[in-house]
Amino acid sequence: MSESSRDKAEGKGSQAKGVMKEKTGQAVNDDKMAREGTKEKTKGYAKEKKGEIKDK
């Protein structure tokens, strides 16, 4: 697997994990967990974009 593909896959995984954490935090009224999920989702998005840039 190329480095760019790995970055994109890891980014998608982090986004999915972040969304789940964010939604769980919202469901149980845990603001800290929801914020952590949002942060992780954003980092995943950035990593995915980094992989896309490497492809160009």
Protein backbone atom coordinates (compact mmCIF):
# COMPACT_ATOMS: atom_id res chain seq x y z
CA MET A 1 0.00 0.00 0.00
CA SER A 2 1.41 3.37 -0.96
CA GLU A 3 1.93 6.05 1.64
CA SER A 4 -0.79 8.23 0.13
CA SER A 5 -3.27 5.33 0.20
CA ARG A 6 -2.34 4.61 3.80
CA ASP A 7 -2.89 8.25 4.78
CA LYS A 8 -6.29 8.27 3.09
CA ALA A 9 -7.35 5.00 4.74
CA GLU A 10 -6.17 6.09 8.19
CA GLY A 11 -7.91 9.43 7.68
CA LYS A 12 -11.21 7.76 6.82
CA GLY A 13 -10.86 5.49 9.86
CA SER A 14 -10.19 8.42 12.16
CA GLN A 15 -13.16 10.28 10.73
CA ALA A 16 -15.46 7.32 11.36
CA LYS A 17 -14.14 6.86 14.90
CA GLY A 18 -14.52 10.58 15.55
CA VAL A 19 -18.11 10.64 14.32
CA MET A 20 -19.00 7.69 16.55
CA LYS A 21 -17.34 9.30 19.56
CA GLU A 22 -18.99 12.63 18.84
CA LYS A 23 -22.47 11.11 18.48
CA THR A 24 -22.02 8.95 21.59
CA GLY A 25 -20.92 11.99 23.58
CA GLN A 26 -23.97 13.91 22.42
CA ALA A 27 -26.28 10.99 23.24
CA VAL A 28 -25.02 10.65 26.81
CA ASN A 29 -24.56 14.42 27.36
CA ASP A 30 -20.78 14.07 27.67
CA ASP A 31 -19.43 17.32 26.21
CA LYS A 32 -15.80 16.28 26.61
CA MET A 33 -16.34 13.08 24.61
CA ALA A 34 -18.25 14.97 21.92
CA ARG A 35 -15.41 17.53 21.61
CA GLU A 36 -12.81 14.74 21.41
CA GLY A 37 -14.84 13.12 18.65
CA THR A 38 -15.03 16.36 16.70
CA LYS A 39 -11.27 16.83 17.09
CA GLU A 40 -10.53 13.28 15.93
CA LYS A 41 -12.90 13.65 12.97
CA THR A 42 -11.13 16.86 11.93
CA LYS A 43 -7.69 15.26 12.22
CA GLY A 44 -8.90 12.36 10.10
CA TYR A 45 -10.18 14.73 7.44
CA ALA A 46 -6.81 16.49 7.35
CA LYS A 47 -4.92 13.20 7.05
CA GLU A 48 -7.17 12.06 4.21
CA LYS A 49 -6.55 15.34 2.37
CA LYS A 50 -2.80 14.93 2.94
CA GLY A 51 -3.01 11.56 1.18
CA GLU A 52 -4.94 13.06 -1.71
CA ILE A 53 -2.31 15.76 -2.13
CA LYS A 54 0.45 13.15 -2.22
CA ASP A 55 -1.34 11.48 -5.15
CA LYS A 56 -1.00 14.62 -7.26
